[in-house]
Protein backbone atom coordinates (compact mmCIF):
# COMPACT_ATOMS: atom_id res chain seq x y z
CA MET A 1 -27.01 -5.68 24.24
CA THR A 2 -23.73 -6.49 22.55
CA VAL A 3 -22.64 -6.34 18.81
CA ALA A 4 -19.67 -8.12 17.19
CA LEU A 5 -18.77 -7.76 13.65
CA THR A 6 -17.05 -10.85 12.05
CA PHE A 7 -15.63 -11.56 8.58
CA ASP A 8 -15.10 -14.93 7.05
CA THR A 9 -12.31 -14.50 4.66
CA ASP A 10 -13.09 -17.45 2.49
CA TRP A 11 -9.83 -17.43 0.38
CA ALA A 12 -10.35 -13.81 -0.43
CA PRO A 13 -7.15 -12.03 -2.03
CA ASP A 14 -5.06 -9.90 0.38
CA PHE A 15 -6.27 -6.63 -1.27
CA VAL A 16 -9.92 -7.38 -0.62
CA LEU A 17 -9.14 -8.07 3.10
CA GLU A 18 -6.98 -4.83 3.37
CA TYR A 19 -10.05 -3.02 1.89
CA VAL A 20 -12.34 -4.37 4.45
CA CYS A 21 -9.91 -3.36 7.24
CA SER A 22 -9.75 0.21 5.68
CA ILE A 23 -13.44 0.46 6.19
CA LEU A 24 -13.36 -0.60 9.83
CA ALA A 25 -10.51 1.90 10.46
CA ASP A 26 -12.55 4.62 8.91
CA TYR A 27 -15.11 4.03 11.63
CA ASP A 28 -12.53 3.05 14.46
CA LEU A 29 -14.28 -0.29 14.90
CA GLU A 30 -12.98 -3.65 16.07
CA ALA A 31 -13.76 -6.97 14.45
CA THR A 32 -12.78 -10.69 14.26
CA MET A 33 -11.66 -12.24 10.96
CA PHE A 34 -11.92 -15.88 10.40
CA PHE A 35 -9.03 -16.79 8.15
CA THR A 36 -9.06 -19.93 5.83
CA ASN A 37 -5.81 -19.54 4.72
CA LYS A 38 -2.40 -17.58 5.43
CA VAL A 39 -2.22 -13.95 4.23
CA GLY A 40 0.74 -11.78 3.18
CA PHE A 41 -0.36 -8.36 4.75
CA GLY A 42 0.06 -6.82 8.18
CA ILE A 43 -3.00 -7.58 10.19
CA PRO A 44 -4.10 -4.40 12.18
CA ASP A 45 -4.20 -4.55 15.96
CA PHE A 46 -8.04 -3.85 15.76
CA ILE A 47 -8.67 -7.06 14.19
CA GLU A 48 -8.80 -10.24 16.10
CA THR A 49 -7.38 -13.36 14.20
CA ALA A 50 -9.42 -16.66 14.32
CA ILE A 51 -9.33 -19.69 12.12
CA HIS A 52 -11.89 -20.79 9.54
CA PRO A 53 -10.95 -24.23 8.29
CA ASP A 54 -12.83 -26.24 5.51
CA PHE A 55 -13.60 -29.63 6.58
CA ARG A 56 -16.01 -30.67 3.72
CA THR A 57 -13.59 -33.31 2.48
CA CYS A 58 -12.27 -34.42 5.98
CA GLY A 59 -15.24 -36.64 6.95
CA GLY A 60 -15.25 -35.53 10.50
CA VAL A 61 -12.51 -35.01 13.20
CA THR A 62 -9.89 -36.98 11.20
CA PRO A 63 -6.18 -36.60 11.00
CA GLU A 64 -6.66 -34.55 8.09
CA ALA A 65 -8.88 -32.26 9.74
CA GLU A 66 -6.47 -31.95 12.82
CA LYS A 67 -3.70 -31.20 10.32
CA LEU A 68 -5.84 -28.51 8.97
CA ILE A 69 -6.44 -26.90 12.36
CA ASP A 70 -2.64 -27.20 13.13
CA GLU A 71 -1.61 -25.43 9.92
CA LEU A 72 -4.01 -22.57 10.54
CA LEU A 73 -2.98 -22.20 14.05
CA PHE A 74 0.63 -22.11 13.01
CA ASP A 75 -0.10 -19.30 10.54
CA PHE A 76 -2.03 -17.56 13.10
CA PRO A 77 -0.57 -18.09 16.56
CA ASN A 78 -2.30 -17.15 19.66
CA THR A 79 -5.72 -17.63 18.16
CA LYS A 80 -8.49 -18.44 20.44
CA GLY A 81 -11.31 -18.52 18.05
CA PHE A 82 -12.78 -20.86 15.64
CA ARG A 83 -15.44 -21.08 12.93
CA SER A 84 -15.68 -23.92 10.49
CA HIS A 85 -16.36 -23.05 6.76
CA ARG A 86 -20.02 -23.58 6.28
CA MET A 87 -20.91 -24.02 10.08
CA PHE A 88 -19.48 -27.68 9.87
CA TRP A 89 -19.59 -29.24 13.31
CA ASP A 90 -18.31 -32.65 14.88
CA TYR A 91 -18.62 -33.61 18.61
CA GLY A 92 -15.08 -34.47 18.47
CA LEU A 93 -14.29 -30.78 18.38
CA TYR A 94 -15.46 -30.16 22.04
CA ASP A 95 -12.21 -32.11 23.26
CA LEU A 96 -9.86 -31.18 20.25
CA LEU A 97 -10.15 -27.41 20.12
CA PRO A 98 -9.36 -26.82 23.80
CA LYS A 99 -6.51 -29.09 23.36
CA LYS A 100 -5.12 -26.79 20.80
CA GLY A 101 -5.62 -23.56 22.91
CA VAL A 102 -8.90 -22.68 21.10
CA MET A 103 -11.06 -21.01 23.64
CA TYR A 104 -14.46 -20.46 21.61
CA ASP A 105 -16.22 -21.71 18.51
CA SER A 106 -18.75 -19.46 16.54
CA SER A 107 -20.05 -22.36 14.15
CA ILE A 108 -23.64 -22.08 15.29
CA PHE A 109 -26.28 -19.91 13.24
CA LEU A 110 -29.41 -18.69 15.13
CA PRO A 111 -30.68 -15.93 12.78
CA PHE A 112 -32.49 -13.02 14.30
CA HIS A 113 -33.14 -14.90 17.52
CA ALA A 114 -33.41 -12.69 20.68
CA ASN A 115 -31.41 -12.84 23.98
CA LEU A 116 -28.61 -14.93 22.42
CA GLU A 117 -25.54 -15.44 24.99
CA ILE A 118 -22.52 -17.42 24.95
CA ASN A 119 -22.86 -20.98 26.29
CA ARG A 120 -21.21 -24.28 26.93
CA ALA A 121 -22.28 -27.82 26.01
CA TYR A 122 -19.66 -30.25 26.60
CA GLY A 123 -16.24 -29.48 28.53
CA VAL A 124 -14.84 -26.06 28.48
CA LEU A 125 -15.13 -24.90 24.85
CA LEU A 126 -17.30 -21.95 24.69
CA ARG A 127 -20.08 -21.45 21.79
CA ILE A 128 -20.93 -18.14 20.42
CA PRO A 129 -23.89 -18.15 18.25
CA ALA A 130 -23.98 -15.97 15.24
CA TRP A 131 -27.24 -13.62 14.70
CA TRP A 132 -27.11 -12.51 11.20
CA THR A 133 -25.07 -13.16 7.74
CA ASP A 134 -24.71 -11.23 4.59
CA ASN A 135 -25.69 -14.28 2.61
CA LEU A 136 -29.02 -14.60 4.54
CA HIS A 137 -29.61 -10.82 4.06
CA LEU A 138 -29.22 -11.15 0.40
CA GLU A 139 -31.22 -14.43 0.19
CA ARG A 140 -34.24 -12.70 1.82
CA GLN A 141 -33.79 -9.50 -0.19
CA LEU A 142 -33.60 -7.32 2.82
CA SER A 143 -32.96 -3.70 2.44
CA LEU A 144 -29.25 -2.95 1.55
CA LYS A 145 -29.33 0.76 2.55
CA SER A 146 -30.98 0.52 6.19
CA ALA A 147 -29.78 -1.09 9.41
CA GLU A 148 -33.37 -1.06 10.85
CA PHE A 149 -33.07 -5.01 11.26
CA LEU A 150 -30.23 -4.30 13.86
CA ASP A 151 -32.34 -3.20 16.84
CA LEU A 152 -29.78 -2.05 19.35
CA SER A 153 -32.41 -1.81 22.04
CA GLU A 154 -33.15 -5.50 21.98
CA PRO A 155 -31.25 -7.58 24.45
CA GLY A 156 -28.90 -10.43 23.56
CA LEU A 157 -25.73 -10.88 21.67
CA LYS A 158 -25.64 -9.95 17.91
CA VAL A 159 -22.91 -11.46 16.16
CA LEU A 160 -22.72 -10.26 12.29
CA ILE A 161 -21.02 -12.42 9.69
CA PHE A 162 -19.80 -10.43 6.68
CA HIS A 163 -17.77 -12.10 3.58
CA PRO A 164 -14.94 -9.68 2.30
CA ILE A 165 -15.73 -10.67 -1.14
CA HIS A 166 -19.30 -9.43 -0.80
CA VAL A 167 -18.01 -6.15 0.57
CA TYR A 168 -15.59 -5.62 -2.13
CA LEU A 169 -17.84 -6.48 -4.74
CA ASN A 170 -20.58 -4.69 -2.95
CA SER A 171 -22.98 -7.63 -3.79
CA SER A 172 -26.41 -6.71 -4.43
CA HIS A 173 -27.70 -10.34 -4.33
CA ARG A 174 -25.99 -13.45 -3.19
CA ASP A 175 -24.40 -15.21 -6.40
CA VAL A 176 -24.00 -12.01 -8.16
CA TYR A 177 -20.12 -12.32 -8.81
CA ARG A 178 -20.41 -15.94 -9.89
CA GLU A 179 -23.48 -15.19 -12.37
CA ARG A 180 -21.42 -12.37 -13.94
CA VAL A 181 -18.24 -14.46 -14.35
CA GLN A 182 -17.32 -17.93 -13.36
CA LEU A 183 -14.77 -17.32 -10.48
CA PRO A 184 -13.04 -20.11 -8.67
CA GLU A 185 -14.02 -20.92 -5.06
CA ASP A 186 -10.32 -20.08 -3.97
CA LEU A 187 -10.12 -16.60 -4.96
CA ARG A 188 -6.37 -15.98 -3.93
CA SER A 189 -5.00 -15.95 -7.36
CA LEU A 190 -7.36 -13.27 -8.76
CA ASP A 191 -5.88 -9.70 -8.88
CA ARG A 192 -7.58 -6.46 -8.69
CA SER A 193 -7.94 -6.03 -12.40
CA THR A 194 -10.18 -9.01 -12.36
CA LEU A 195 -12.35 -8.07 -9.70
CA GLU A 196 -12.57 -4.48 -10.13
CA PRO A 197 -14.95 -4.36 -13.03
CA LEU A 198 -17.09 -6.73 -11.08
CA ARG A 199 -17.80 -4.26 -8.25
CA HIS A 200 -21.57 -3.32 -7.96
CA GLN A 201 -21.82 0.52 -8.39
CA GLY A 202 -25.23 0.83 -6.74
CA VAL A 203 -26.50 -0.33 -3.22
CA GLY A 204 -24.90 -3.41 -1.92
CA ILE A 205 -23.14 -5.37 0.90
CA GLU A 206 -20.48 -2.50 1.17
CA THR A 207 -23.12 -0.03 1.35
CA LEU A 208 -24.78 -1.93 4.29
CA LEU A 209 -21.57 -2.68 6.10
CA LYS A 210 -21.07 1.34 6.28
CA VAL A 211 -24.56 1.89 7.37
CA ILE A 212 -24.19 -0.50 10.21
CA CYS A 213 -20.75 1.09 11.11
CA ARG A 214 -22.17 4.50 11.03
CA LYS A 215 -25.06 3.38 13.36
CA LEU A 216 -22.88 1.78 15.78
CA LYS A 217 -20.87 4.93 15.99
CA THR A 218 -23.61 7.44 16.32
CA THR A 219 -25.44 5.28 19.01
CA ASN A 220 -21.93 4.93 20.82
CA VAL A 221 -22.07 1.08 20.53
CA CYS A 222 -18.93 -0.59 20.24
CA SER A 223 -18.22 -3.74 18.13
CA SER A 224 -16.41 -6.31 20.37
CA LYS A 225 -13.92 -8.88 19.47
CA LEU A 226 -15.11 -12.28 20.04
CA GLU A 227 -12.06 -13.35 22.24
CA ALA A 228 -12.81 -10.36 24.54
CA LEU A 229 -16.45 -11.33 25.11
CA ALA A 230 -15.24 -15.03 25.78
CA SER A 231 -12.40 -14.32 28.02
CA GLY A 232 -14.50 -13.33 30.86
CA LEU A 233 -16.28 -16.61 30.94
CA TYR A 234 -13.54 -19.11 30.09
């Protein structure tokens, strides 16, 4: 089986993304980050950069959507990966993304399915399904201090999606930070002094991320970058 840690940045401030990177560095694990916007910090080598455009106002594969893709690819050159915000998909992306140099898409969510693998539908674009996300984990109120759900003996690809804001706030339920204070969807303008008081001091998503990282390290299971998984099949 293969595990891949991925993170959808969702406009999180740079210091939040750097905090997540520091956790991964502590465990010497690689990951893929899907970026919604340009960032102002040095992205470490153990992070693969991929793009995470928000197409909700674009109405499909329109010139507006293509412009958004081009802007993100300019900010993150040599990117090979794509996952749309909220898993939006349009069949026009099968043709458009390879023309932009994108190798794979990961905008498919098949939670807890066994024997997942990378596949193709139309053309050369590879589709990499996600197996788990912190939002669903919180929605189902699963344990935040155990990684028993991640059965490393089960065959198949397990792509995990974390959201850095949940990691930083150590969220204990899905909408914790929006219930405690009304934050904008675009979090980039927020500073540390605003978010620090909102961090949950008990068991939360940061706890779970560290539990998963420890499990991978103690069982000698690597966390793979998605581009590395896709490269052998493209």
